[in-house]
Amino acid sequence: MALADFLVRHNALLGRYAIPQLRPISRVIAICIYLLLVAPIILILVAMHVAGNLDLRALWRTLFVIFALFQFLLLGIVGAHLSGSAILQERTERSIDFFRLLPLSATSRIVGIVVGRNIVTLCLALCNTLFVAICGAAGGVSSRLTIEFLIFSWVSGVLAMLFALLVSTCAPRRLIPSSTTFVPLLGAALCLPFAIGFAVNRHEVYPHGAYVHFFGMEIRLFVFITCLALYAGFWFVLGLIRRFENERATFFSPAGSYANLAGAAVITGGLIWQYASENPRHALLIFWCSTAGVLLLALFGSCRTWDDYLEAQGRTGEGPGLRSVNRCNLAHGTGLVLIWGILATLIELHTGMVIPFGSVVICMTFCYVLLALWETSVTCAAWTTRIHLLTGFLAILYVILPAILGAITEAKDILALSPVGYITVLADGKYVPTMSPLFFNGGLLAILLLFVFRRYHSLAK
């Protein structure tokens, strides 16, 4: 079989996954499933056209939308599920050791899984791309818009595959089956309402065309979100390379976490740059919340485990602390939060100090409390892994409970003790928050840090 020899010779992993799918019976089944999904919809639309409920132009435009949805179904859901289930298949077939010992680079493994697991899906998506282009041209859709959409659909589809694969390398073994199904469905559930809302209200949202303003420049919407997806895909690929080279490696390297935060600040700052002159308070809060979310992802994506501390101590003789030989998560997280604080202050100065200056410090303490909770979970993981559930529940209570109590009692001081409530109070603009969140967070930090440092000390003995 010439194709099999070619695939195995160039990428053994790609050949391992692709050859079973390229068998005649497998190809026929995949094509039949696709046709059975598409054919009834086309028949219904043609019947509506014959009955006079649709004109020919509207028929082609409706077909354009339907094939566009199938494009996302094939690449974003089916493709993501197949990519994310590759590790599960290796564990189920007890061939994970063979997978680890293959003499392939990390990038070759990524290509082998993403392309090999989806070889038939990608071929169907190519045919579906042709149908989208034909229907768009027949329906009078702008060729530029069609090309931009098709490029975006492919980039976002590959992004979904990479993300599902990355999640499968990080998820515990017992959660891999659910994560590979849950992740693409969750993404579809979150994106679908926004997509429908945008499709219905696009003329009101973008009366002069679908553009976004980035540092004052007008960029076409699909071009911008395609570039944004490429940026996210770059970090996913870096994370996968780290995971394939070392299964215990974190998603971000320390330098990568700083770079990711800086990139998020540039992107968010560019998006609010023009909006800041119209509504500086909301623009500032959007920047704070967006970059704080990326900050927390960078923190948790670069956190070391208790086993890492033990391994570094055995190698260097140094316990976890501020030193670089065995730097603890608190030291790394403190640096990240400080960088965020500097960026938040600079944006605040740019908007003209529309929020009390101490608010940046208070927001930083919220991040420190969540970091200390996470480090408590890390240092107690040697006792039981269920500690992650406990600290996660405590983090949820810390974020939500004061906000609920403050809303019920209509006490703004209690509402401000929650990060969500504090942002709500700042957005209101009519109430100047007190320093009570600073003292509240300081007390929590003192308790958590006392326990964490005792755990550090027990390891150093």
Protein backbone atom coordinates (compact mmCIF):
# COMPACT_ATOMS: atom_id res chain seq x y z
CA MET A 1 0.00 0.00 0.00
CA ALA A 2 1.86 3.04 -1.26
CA LEU A 3 -0.04 5.60 0.82
CA ALA A 4 0.51 3.62 4.03
CA ASP A 5 4.23 3.34 3.34
CA PHE A 6 4.43 7.07 2.64
CA LEU A 7 2.61 8.02 5.84
CA VAL A 8 4.53 5.66 8.10
CA ARG A 9 7.85 6.65 6.57
CA HIS A 10 7.27 10.37 7.13
CA ASN A 11 5.39 10.22 10.46
CA ALA A 12 4.76 6.89 12.13
CA LEU A 13 2.11 8.33 14.44
CA LEU A 14 0.22 9.90 11.55
CA GLY A 15 0.25 6.60 9.71
CA ARG A 16 -0.88 4.68 12.81
CA TYR A 17 -4.00 6.84 13.14
CA ALA A 18 -4.74 7.57 9.47
CA ILE A 19 -4.46 4.14 7.84
CA PRO A 20 -7.48 2.56 9.64
CA GLN A 21 -9.62 5.58 8.68
CA LEU A 22 -8.57 5.42 5.03
CA ARG A 23 -9.87 1.89 4.54
CA PRO A 24 -12.76 1.78 2.02
CA ILE A 25 -15.43 0.78 4.54
CA SER A 26 -14.39 3.55 6.96
CA ARG A 27 -14.46 6.16 4.21
CA VAL A 28 -17.88 5.03 2.96
CA ILE A 29 -19.35 5.17 6.48
CA ALA A 30 -18.02 8.69 7.12
CA ILE A 31 -19.30 9.97 3.76
CA CYS A 32 -22.72 8.38 4.32
CA ILE A 33 -23.07 9.98 7.74
CA TYR A 34 -22.20 13.38 6.29
CA LEU A 35 -24.67 12.98 3.43
CA LEU A 36 -27.42 11.74 5.73
CA LEU A 37 -27.01 14.93 7.77
CA VAL A 38 -26.88 17.28 4.79
CA ALA A 39 -29.36 15.71 2.36
CA PRO A 40 -32.57 16.06 4.46
CA ILE A 41 -31.85 19.75 5.12
CA ILE A 42 -31.26 20.43 1.43
CA LEU A 43 -34.46 18.55 0.48
CA ILE A 44 -36.50 20.58 2.99
CA LEU A 45 -35.09 23.87 1.68
CA VAL A 46 -35.69 22.89 -1.95
CA ALA A 47 -39.27 21.91 -1.07
CA MET A 48 -39.78 25.31 0.57
CA HIS A 49 -38.42 27.00 -2.55
CA VAL A 50 -40.76 25.02 -4.80
CA ALA A 51 -43.67 25.92 -2.53
CA GLY A 52 -42.80 29.57 -3.00
CA ASN A 53 -41.65 30.33 0.56
CA LEU A 54 -38.05 31.00 -0.56
CA ASP A 55 -36.63 32.72 -3.59
CA LEU A 56 -33.53 31.35 -5.27
CA ARG A 57 -31.18 33.92 -3.75
CA ALA A 58 -32.49 33.27 -0.24
CA LEU A 59 -32.14 29.52 -0.84
CA TRP A 60 -28.46 29.82 -1.68
CA ARG A 61 -27.83 32.11 1.28
CA THR A 62 -29.56 29.67 3.62
CA LEU A 63 -27.46 26.84 2.23
CA PHE A 64 -24.39 29.01 2.79
CA VAL A 65 -25.27 29.36 6.47
CA ILE A 66 -26.01 25.64 6.84
CA PHE A 67 -22.74 24.53 5.27
CA ALA A 68 -20.94 27.10 7.41
CA LEU A 69 -22.45 25.50 10.51
CA PHE A 70 -21.37 22.07 9.26
CA GLN A 71 -17.86 23.49 8.84
CA PHE A 72 -17.73 24.31 12.55
CA LEU A 73 -19.34 20.98 13.42
CA LEU A 74 -16.70 19.02 11.51
CA LEU A 75 -13.65 20.98 12.62
CA GLY A 76 -14.62 22.43 15.98
CA ILE A 77 -16.56 19.57 17.57
CA VAL A 78 -15.83 16.31 15.74
CA GLY A 79 -12.20 17.25 15.10
CA ALA A 80 -11.66 18.42 18.68
CA HIS A 81 -13.19 15.23 20.09
CA LEU A 82 -11.04 12.96 17.91
CA SER A 83 -7.86 14.88 18.73
CA GLY A 84 -8.61 14.94 22.44
CA SER A 85 -9.35 11.20 22.58
CA ALA A 86 -5.97 10.15 21.13
CA ILE A 87 -4.31 9.84 24.54
CA LEU A 88 -7.34 7.94 25.84
CA GLN A 89 -7.06 5.48 22.95
CA GLU A 90 -3.41 4.85 23.74
CA ARG A 91 -4.21 4.18 27.39
CA THR A 92 -7.20 1.99 26.54
CA GLU A 93 -5.17 -0.10 24.08
CA ARG A 94 -2.27 -0.20 26.56
CA SER A 95 0.07 1.20 23.94
CA ILE A 96 0.97 4.39 25.82
CA ASP A 97 4.54 3.15 26.34
CA PHE A 98 4.88 2.63 22.60
CA PHE A 99 3.54 6.17 22.13
CA ARG A 100 6.14 7.57 24.53
CA LEU A 101 9.05 5.67 22.99
CA LEU A 102 8.38 6.66 19.39
CA PRO A 103 11.46 8.49 18.03
CA LEU A 104 9.44 11.56 17.06
CA SER A 105 9.81 15.19 18.01
CA ALA A 106 7.04 16.95 19.92
CA THR A 107 5.93 18.84 16.81
CA SER A 108 5.76 15.58 14.82
CA ARG A 109 3.58 14.08 17.55
CA ILE A 110 1.24 17.06 17.40
CA VAL A 111 0.95 16.83 13.61
CA GLY A 112 0.54 13.05 13.79
CA ILE A 113 -2.34 13.26 16.25
CA VAL A 114 -4.18 16.29 14.83
CA VAL A 115 -3.89 15.22 11.18
CA GLY A 116 -3.87 11.45 11.65
CA ARG A 117 -6.90 11.28 13.93
CA ASN A 118 -8.86 13.66 11.67
CA ILE A 119 -7.73 12.61 8.19
CA VAL A 120 -11.25 11.77 7.01
CA THR A 121 -12.81 14.69 8.89
CA LEU A 122 -10.37 17.07 7.24
CA CYS A 123 -11.20 15.66 3.79
CA LEU A 124 -14.92 16.12 4.44
CA ALA A 125 -14.22 19.66 5.67
CA LEU A 126 -12.39 20.38 2.40
CA CYS A 127 -15.45 19.27 0.43
CA ASN A 128 -17.67 21.30 2.75
CA THR A 129 -15.43 24.33 2.15
CA LEU A 130 -16.08 23.98 -1.56
CA PHE A 131 -19.84 23.85 -0.93
CA VAL A 132 -19.65 26.99 1.24
CA ALA A 133 -17.79 28.85 -1.51
CA ILE A 134 -20.26 27.75 -4.20
CA CYS A 135 -23.33 28.67 -2.13
CA GLY A 136 -21.80 32.00 -1.14
CA ALA A 137 -21.04 32.90 -4.75
CA ALA A 138 -24.51 31.83 -5.92
CA GLY A 139 -26.18 33.70 -3.07
CA GLY A 140 -24.37 36.95 -3.72
CA VAL A 141 -22.24 36.84 -0.56
CA SER A 142 -19.12 38.99 -0.81
CA SER A 143 -16.20 36.88 -2.00
CA ARG A 144 -13.90 38.70 0.44
CA LEU A 145 -16.22 37.90 3.33
CA THR A 146 -16.44 34.25 2.23
CA ILE A 147 -12.66 33.88 2.05
CA GLU A 148 -12.20 35.55 5.45
CA PHE A 149 -14.83 33.29 6.99
CA LEU A 150 -13.34 30.10 5.52
CA ILE A 151 -9.86 30.98 6.76
CA PHE A 152 -11.29 31.73 10.19
CA SER A 153 -13.22 28.44 10.25
CA TRP A 154 -10.07 26.43 9.53
CA VAL A 155 -7.91 28.33 12.00
CA SER A 156 -10.52 28.12 14.77
CA GLY A 157 -11.09 24.42 14.02
CA VAL A 158 -7.39 23.61 14.35
CA LEU A 159 -7.33 25.74 17.51
CA ALA A 160 -10.15 23.62 18.99
CA MET A 161 -8.24 20.43 18.13
CA LEU A 162 -5.07 21.70 19.79
CA PHE A 163 -6.96 22.84 22.85
CA ALA A 164 -8.75 19.49 23.27
CA LEU A 165 -5.43 17.66 22.87
CA LEU A 166 -3.79 19.92 25.45
CA VAL A 167 -6.62 19.36 27.93
CA SER A 168 -6.30 15.59 27.47
CA THR A 169 -2.59 15.74 28.37
CA CYS A 170 -3.33 17.69 31.56
CA ALA A 171 -6.55 16.03 32.74
CA PRO A 172 -6.37 13.13 35.22
CA ARG A 173 -6.73 9.72 33.62
CA ARG A 174 -10.21 9.14 34.96
CA LEU A 175 -11.39 12.47 33.51
CA ILE A 176 -9.93 12.10 30.00
CA PRO A 177 -13.06 10.46 28.51
CA SER A 178 -15.39 13.16 29.84
CA SER A 179 -13.00 16.03 29.06
CA THR A 180 -12.58 15.06 25.41
CA THR A 181 -16.35 15.20 24.94
CA PHE A 182 -17.13 18.00 27.37
CA VAL A 183 -14.56 20.52 26.11
CA PRO A 184 -15.81 20.83 22.48
CA LEU A 185 -19.46 20.74 23.53
CA LEU A 186 -18.86 23.40 26.18
CA GLY A 187 -17.07 25.56 23.62
CA ALA A 188 -19.97 25.18 21.20
CA ALA A 189 -22.52 25.97 23.93
CA LEU A 190 -20.63 29.11 24.95
CA CYS A 191 -20.00 30.37 21.42
CA LEU A 192 -23.36 29.53 19.83
CA PRO A 193 -25.49 32.15 21.67
CA PHE A 194 -22.98 34.88 20.83
CA ALA A 195 -22.84 33.75 17.19
CA ILE A 196 -26.64 33.76 16.91
CA GLY A 197 -26.88 37.14 18.63
CA PHE A 198 -24.25 38.60 16.34
CA ALA A 199 -25.92 37.18 13.23
CA VAL A 200 -29.28 38.67 14.23
CA ASN A 201 -27.99 42.06 15.37
CA ARG A 202 -24.94 42.50 13.15
CA HIS A 203 -26.39 45.54 11.41
CA GLU A 204 -27.02 47.32 14.73
CA VAL A 205 -23.63 46.31 16.18
CA TYR A 206 -21.66 47.13 13.03
CA PRO A 207 -23.75 49.59 10.95
CA HIS A 208 -20.73 50.44 8.77
CA GLY A 209 -19.45 46.86 8.42
CA ALA A 210 -17.93 44.32 10.77
CA TYR A 211 -14.79 46.07 12.02
CA VAL A 212 -12.98 46.29 15.34
CA HIS A 213 -10.83 49.19 16.47
CA PHE A 214 -7.33 48.22 17.55
CA PHE A 215 -5.20 51.14 18.74
CA GLY A 216 -7.42 53.35 16.60
CA MET A 217 -7.03 51.26 13.45
CA GLU A 218 -10.03 49.64 11.78
CA ILE A 219 -9.51 45.90 11.28
CA ARG A 220 -12.07 43.62 9.69
CA LEU A 221 -13.73 41.38 12.27
CA PHE A 222 -12.89 38.00 10.77
CA VAL A 223 -9.29 39.09 10.14
CA PHE A 224 -8.90 40.17 13.76
CA ILE A 225 -10.39 37.07 15.37
CA THR A 226 -8.38 34.87 12.99
CA CYS A 227 -5.20 36.59 14.17
CA LEU A 228 -6.40 36.19 17.75
CA ALA A 229 -6.95 32.46 17.16
CA LEU A 230 -3.47 32.16 15.67
CA TYR A 231 -2.04 33.85 18.76
CA ALA A 232 -3.89 31.43 21.07
CA GLY A 233 -2.82 28.49 18.88
CA PHE A 234 0.81 29.57 19.25
CA TRP A 235 0.55 29.20 23.04
CA PHE A 236 -1.30 25.89 22.72
CA VAL A 237 1.47 24.51 20.52
CA LEU A 238 4.13 25.68 22.98
CA GLY A 239 2.21 24.04 25.82
CA LEU A 240 1.86 20.77 23.90
CA ILE A 241 5.58 20.76 23.08
CA ARG A 242 6.37 21.16 26.78
CA ARG A 243 3.93 18.40 27.73
CA PHE A 244 5.20 15.95 25.12
CA GLU A 245 8.82 16.59 26.05
CA ASN A 246 8.07 16.18 29.75
CA GLU A 247 4.71 14.81 30.91
CA ARG A 248 5.04 16.61 34.24
CA ALA A 249 5.91 19.98 32.74
CA THR A 250 3.63 22.94 33.34
CA PHE A 251 1.68 24.52 30.51
CA PHE A 252 3.68 27.77 30.75
CA SER A 253 7.34 28.21 31.49
CA PRO A 254 8.08 31.05 33.97
CA ALA A 255 9.20 33.30 31.11
CA GLY A 256 6.22 32.19 29.02
CA SER A 257 3.75 33.20 31.73
CA TYR A 258 5.19 36.73 31.79
CA ALA A 259 5.12 36.93 28.00
CA ASN A 260 1.53 35.67 27.89
CA LEU A 261 0.42 38.33 30.39
CA ALA A 262 2.20 41.03 28.41
CA GLY A 263 0.58 39.84 25.16
CA ALA A 264 -2.87 39.84 26.75
CA ALA A 265 -2.27 43.37 28.03
CA VAL A 266 -1.30 44.59 24.56
CA ILE A 267 -4.33 42.97 22.90
CA THR A 268 -6.81 44.20 25.51
CA GLY A 269 -5.22 47.64 25.59
CA GLY A 270 -5.52 47.89 21.82
CA LEU A 271 -9.21 46.98 21.95
CA ILE A 272 -10.11 49.54 24.63
CA TRP A 273 -7.79 52.27 23.33
CA GLN A 274 -10.47 54.21 21.48
CA TYR A 275 -13.27 53.24 23.88
CA ALA A 276 -11.27 54.69 26.80
CA SER A 277 -11.97 58.25 25.68
CA GLU A 278 -15.74 57.60 25.49
CA ASN A 279 -16.23 55.68 28.74
CA PRO A 280 -12.95 55.55 30.67
CA ARG A 281 -14.33 53.81 33.77
CA HIS A 282 -15.80 50.85 31.91
CA ALA A 283 -12.79 50.62 29.59
CA LEU A 284 -10.47 50.46 32.59
CA LEU A 285 -12.53 47.78 34.32
CA ILE A 286 -12.69 45.73 31.11
CA PHE A 287 -8.90 45.86 30.94
CA TRP A 288 -8.53 44.91 34.60
CA CYS A 289 -10.94 41.96 34.42
CA SER A 290 -9.62 40.61 31.11
CA THR A 291 -5.96 40.77 32.07
CA ALA A 292 -6.70 39.48 35.59
CA GLY A 293 -8.33 36.42 34.02
CA VAL A 294 -5.25 35.83 31.90
CA LEU A 295 -3.10 36.42 34.99
CA LEU A 296 -4.89 33.66 36.91
CA LEU A 297 -4.57 31.30 33.93
CA ALA A 298 -0.86 32.08 33.71
CA LEU A 299 -0.48 31.49 37.45
CA PHE A 300 -2.23 28.14 37.47
CA GLY A 301 -0.70 27.13 34.15
CA SER A 302 2.84 27.60 35.47
CA CYS A 303 2.43 26.34 39.04
CA ARG A 304 4.78 23.65 40.26
CA THR A 305 3.55 20.63 42.21
CA TRP A 306 4.67 19.22 45.54
CA ASP A 307 6.54 16.46 43.70
CA ASP A 308 8.47 19.17 41.82
CA TYR A 309 9.48 20.70 45.13
CA LEU A 310 10.64 17.31 46.42
CA GLU A 311 12.58 16.53 43.26
CA ALA A 312 14.31 19.93 43.26
CA GLN A 313 15.18 19.59 46.94
CA GLY A 314 16.71 16.18 46.40
CA ARG A 315 18.75 17.55 43.50
CA THR A 316 19.88 20.85 45.05
CA GLY A 317 19.42 20.42 48.79
CA GLU A 318 17.28 23.59 48.88
CA GLY A 319 13.69 23.65 50.07
CA PRO A 320 11.00 25.66 48.29
CA GLY A 321 11.41 29.40 48.72
CA LEU A 322 12.38 32.58 46.94
CA ARG A 323 15.60 31.16 45.49
CA SER A 324 15.63 30.26 41.83
CA VAL A 325 17.01 26.75 42.44
CA ASN A 326 13.70 25.73 44.03
CA ARG A 327 11.45 28.74 43.56
CA CYS A 328 8.02 28.35 45.06
CA ASN A 329 4.78 29.27 43.35
CA LEU A 330 4.32 32.20 45.73
CA ALA A 331 7.53 33.83 44.52
CA HIS A 332 6.63 33.38 40.86
CA GLY A 333 3.04 34.47 41.44
CA THR A 334 4.12 37.57 43.35
CA GLY A 335 6.14 38.68 40.35
CA LEU A 336 3.25 38.10 37.97
CA VAL A 337 0.77 40.00 40.13
CA LEU A 338 3.22 42.90 40.49
CA ILE A 339 3.58 43.08 36.71
CA TRP A 340 -0.20 43.11 36.42
CA GLY A 341 -0.39 45.89 38.99
CA ILE A 342 2.08 48.01 37.02
CA LEU A 343 0.13 47.47 33.78
CA ALA A 344 -3.18 48.23 35.50
CA THR A 345 -1.75 51.45 36.95
CA LEU A 346 -0.42 52.57 33.57
CA ILE A 347 -3.83 52.07 31.96
CA GLU A 348 -5.43 53.88 34.89
CA LEU A 349 -3.11 56.84 34.33
CA HIS A 350 -3.96 56.75 30.61
CA THR A 351 -7.69 56.97 31.36
CA GLY A 352 -7.22 59.91 33.74
CA MET A 353 -7.51 58.27 37.18
CA VAL A 354 -11.28 57.70 37.08
CA ILE A 355 -11.03 55.12 39.90
CA PRO A 356 -9.44 55.56 43.36
CA PHE A 357 -5.72 54.86 43.13
CA GLY A 358 -5.70 52.24 45.91
CA SER A 359 -8.10 50.03 43.94
CA VAL A 360 -5.20 48.49 42.03
CA VAL A 361 -3.59 47.36 45.29
CA ILE A 362 -6.88 45.90 46.54
CA CYS A 363 -7.36 44.00 43.26
CA MET A 364 -3.83 42.64 43.65
CA THR A 365 -4.68 41.32 47.12
CA PHE A 366 -7.63 39.40 45.65
CA CYS A 367 -5.18 37.68 43.29
CA TYR A 368 -2.78 36.97 46.16
CA VAL A 369 -5.53 35.29 48.20
CA LEU A 370 -6.44 33.00 45.29
CA LEU A 371 -2.75 32.24 44.76
CA ALA A 372 -2.29 31.42 48.45
CA LEU A 373 -5.33 29.11 48.32
CA TRP A 374 -3.83 27.32 45.34
CA GLU A 375 -0.45 26.98 47.06
CA THR A 376 -2.23 25.56 50.11
CA SER A 377 -3.72 22.95 47.82
CA VAL A 378 -0.29 22.18 46.33
CA THR A 379 1.46 21.82 49.67
CA CYS A 380 -1.28 19.55 51.06
CA ALA A 381 -1.53 17.33 47.98
CA ALA A 382 0.91 14.87 49.59
CA TRP A 383 -1.76 14.08 52.20
CA THR A 384 -4.68 13.65 49.80
CA THR A 385 -5.58 14.81 46.31
CA ARG A 386 -9.07 15.67 47.56
CA ILE A 387 -7.58 18.83 49.01
CA HIS A 388 -7.98 20.32 45.51
CA LEU A 389 -11.76 19.98 45.87
CA LEU A 390 -11.71 21.65 49.28
CA THR A 391 -9.58 24.61 48.21
CA GLY A 392 -11.61 24.96 45.01
CA PHE A 393 -14.81 25.11 47.06
CA LEU A 394 -13.22 27.69 49.39
CA ALA A 395 -12.20 29.79 46.37
CA ILE A 396 -15.77 29.71 45.04
CA LEU A 397 -17.12 30.76 48.45
CA TYR A 398 -14.53 33.54 48.64
CA VAL A 399 -15.59 34.89 45.25
CA ILE A 400 -19.37 34.44 45.50
CA LEU A 401 -20.48 34.45 49.16
CA PRO A 402 -19.68 38.11 50.06
CA ALA A 403 -21.30 39.20 46.79
CA ILE A 404 -24.49 37.30 47.63
CA LEU A 405 -24.58 38.55 51.22
CA GLY A 406 -23.87 42.11 50.11
CA ALA A 407 -26.64 41.97 47.51
CA ILE A 408 -29.16 40.58 50.04
CA THR A 409 -28.32 43.06 52.80
CA GLU A 410 -27.63 45.91 50.34
CA ALA A 411 -24.39 46.54 52.22
CA LYS A 412 -21.76 47.80 49.79
CA ASP A 413 -18.95 47.23 52.29
CA ILE A 414 -19.76 43.51 52.42
CA LEU A 415 -20.23 43.39 48.65
CA ALA A 416 -16.74 44.85 48.17
CA LEU A 417 -15.16 41.92 50.06
CA SER A 418 -15.64 39.75 46.96
CA PRO A 419 -13.59 40.33 43.79
CA VAL A 420 -16.80 40.18 41.74
CA GLY A 421 -18.58 42.53 44.13
CA TYR A 422 -15.64 44.91 44.26
CA ILE A 423 -15.61 45.28 40.47
CA THR A 424 -19.39 45.80 40.59
CA VAL A 425 -18.95 48.57 43.15
CA LEU A 426 -16.25 50.22 41.05
CA ALA A 427 -18.42 50.02 37.93
CA ASP A 428 -21.27 51.74 39.77
CA GLY A 429 -19.15 54.83 40.36
CA LYS A 430 -21.53 56.25 43.00
CA TYR A 431 -19.92 54.50 45.95
CA VAL A 432 -16.33 54.97 47.00
CA PRO A 433 -15.14 51.64 48.45
CA THR A 434 -13.38 51.68 51.79
CA MET A 435 -10.16 49.90 52.67
CA SER A 436 -12.06 47.03 54.33
CA PRO A 437 -11.23 44.58 51.47
CA LEU A 438 -7.53 45.28 52.04
CA PHE A 439 -7.72 44.33 55.73
CA PHE A 440 -9.99 41.35 55.01
CA ASN A 441 -7.65 39.98 52.35
CA GLY A 442 -4.65 40.72 54.57
CA GLY A 443 -6.11 38.58 57.35
CA LEU A 444 -6.85 35.71 55.00
CA LEU A 445 -3.36 35.94 53.51
CA ALA A 446 -1.74 35.86 56.95
CA ILE A 447 -3.58 32.65 57.86
CA LEU A 448 -2.89 30.92 54.56
CA LEU A 449 0.76 31.97 54.35
CA LEU A 450 1.41 30.85 57.91
CA PHE A 451 0.19 27.37 57.01
CA VAL A 452 2.04 27.28 53.66
CA PHE A 453 5.38 28.34 55.19
CA ARG A 454 5.00 25.69 57.87
CA ARG A 455 4.66 23.14 55.08
CA TYR A 456 7.77 24.55 53.42
CA HIS A 457 9.61 24.25 56.72
CA SER A 458 8.49 20.63 57.19
CA LEU A 459 9.95 19.78 53.78
CA ALA A 460 13.23 21.48 54.59
CA LYS A 461 13.78 19.35 57.69
